[in-house]
Amino acid sequence: MSKNNHTPGPWILNPDFTISQKEDKGILIAMVCSANNDDEQREANAKLIASSPQLLEALETLIAVVESLTEEGQLVGGLFKARELVKSIKK
C-alpha cells in the first residue's frame, strides 16, 4: 500500500464533537455539526470520522489478505478486526 498522507491515528472523539489526534491537546482533525442540532446524529457522524484511520487499516488488511489468500488464519483475523470495528462505530 502507498504512504498515508493523513494525520496519523488514533483519532479521539472529544465531548464537544471535535475530533483530535490526542485528547483535548492534539491536532484538531474535525468539528462535527448537524443542521438540526441532533446530538445523536452528531455523535454517530463523529464516531465514524474518528474511526477513519482504523477503518483504513482494517480495509488495507483485508485487501492484502484477499490478494494473497495464503493463510486462512490471516483471513479470519482480518474479518474479525473489521467486524469489531464496525460494531464499535455503530454502538
Protein backbone atom coordinates (compact mmCIF):
# COMPACT_ATOMS: atom_id res chain seq x y z
CA MET A 1 0.00 0.00 0.00
CA SER A 2 1.08 3.58 -0.59
CA LYS A 3 2.08 6.02 2.14
CA ASN A 4 -0.75 7.65 4.08
CA ASN A 5 -0.87 11.45 3.83
CA HIS A 6 -3.47 11.97 6.57
CA THR A 7 -2.76 12.84 10.20
CA PRO A 8 -1.75 9.60 11.94
CA GLY A 9 -4.26 7.99 14.30
CA PRO A 10 -5.64 7.17 16.64
CA TRP A 11 -8.12 10.00 16.44
CA ILE A 12 -10.08 10.86 19.58
CA LEU A 13 -13.74 11.92 19.78
CA ASN A 14 -13.98 14.74 22.33
CA PRO A 15 -17.15 15.59 24.30
CA ASP A 16 -17.70 18.76 22.22
CA PHE A 17 -17.97 16.71 18.99
CA THR A 18 -14.49 17.64 17.83
CA ILE A 19 -12.04 15.01 16.65
CA SER A 20 -8.39 15.42 17.50
CA GLN A 21 -5.22 13.41 17.22
CA LYS A 22 -4.88 13.30 21.01
CA GLU A 23 -7.48 14.07 23.62
CA ASP A 24 -8.04 17.84 24.04
CA LYS A 25 -4.47 18.99 23.31
CA GLY A 26 -3.79 17.32 19.99
CA ILE A 27 -4.13 18.40 16.41
CA LEU A 28 -7.73 19.29 15.56
CA ILE A 29 -8.95 16.98 12.78
CA ALA A 30 -12.63 17.96 12.51
CA MET A 31 -15.57 19.69 14.13
CA VAL A 32 -18.86 17.87 13.59
CA CYS A 33 -22.05 19.89 13.16
CA SER A 34 -25.65 19.00 12.48
CA ALA A 35 -28.16 21.11 10.58
CA ASN A 36 -30.93 20.20 13.02
CA ASN A 37 -28.83 20.17 16.24
CA ASP A 38 -29.40 16.43 16.64
CA ASP A 39 -26.70 15.38 19.13
CA GLU A 40 -27.37 11.68 18.48
CA GLN A 41 -26.66 12.16 14.78
CA ARG A 42 -23.64 14.37 15.50
CA GLU A 43 -22.20 11.70 17.78
CA ALA A 44 -22.75 8.94 15.20
CA ASN A 45 -21.09 11.05 12.49
CA ALA A 46 -18.22 11.96 14.79
CA LYS A 47 -17.62 8.30 15.70
CA LEU A 48 -17.43 7.42 12.03
CA ILE A 49 -14.95 10.21 11.30
CA ALA A 50 -12.83 9.44 14.39
CA SER A 51 -12.55 5.79 13.36
CA SER A 52 -11.29 6.63 9.85
CA PRO A 53 -7.63 5.67 10.45
CA GLN A 54 -8.74 2.33 11.94
CA LEU A 55 -11.19 1.72 9.09
CA LEU A 56 -8.44 2.37 6.57
CA GLU A 57 -6.10 -0.02 8.38
CA ALA A 58 -8.79 -2.73 8.54
CA LEU A 59 -9.56 -2.37 4.84
CA GLU A 60 -5.88 -2.47 3.93
CA THR A 61 -5.53 -5.66 5.96
CA LEU A 62 -8.50 -7.25 4.19
CA ILE A 63 -7.20 -6.22 0.79
CA ALA A 64 -3.77 -7.68 1.48
CA VAL A 65 -5.27 -10.94 2.72
CA VAL A 66 -7.66 -11.33 -0.18
CA GLU A 67 -4.85 -10.59 -2.63
CA SER A 68 -2.59 -13.21 -1.15
CA LEU A 69 -5.06 -15.79 0.21
CA THR A 70 -2.12 -17.69 1.57
CA GLU A 71 -3.08 -18.18 5.19
CA GLU A 72 -6.63 -18.95 6.29
CA GLY A 73 -5.97 -17.63 9.82
CA GLN A 74 -4.96 -14.29 8.39
CA LEU A 75 -8.27 -14.03 6.54
CA VAL A 76 -10.27 -14.82 9.68
CA GLY A 77 -8.24 -12.29 11.72
CA GLY A 78 -8.79 -9.52 9.17
CA LEU A 79 -12.52 -10.14 9.00
CA PHE A 80 -12.76 -10.25 12.81
CA LYS A 81 -10.93 -6.91 13.09
CA ALA A 82 -13.23 -5.29 10.52
CA ARG A 83 -16.38 -6.71 12.15
CA GLU A 84 -15.39 -5.50 15.63
CA LEU A 85 -14.60 -2.02 14.33
CA VAL A 86 -17.97 -1.75 12.61
CA LYS A 87 -19.68 -2.87 15.85
CA SER A 88 -17.83 -0.21 17.88
CA ILE A 89 -18.83 2.53 15.42
CA LYS A 90 -22.49 1.55 15.50
CA LYS A 91 -22.95 1.31 19.27
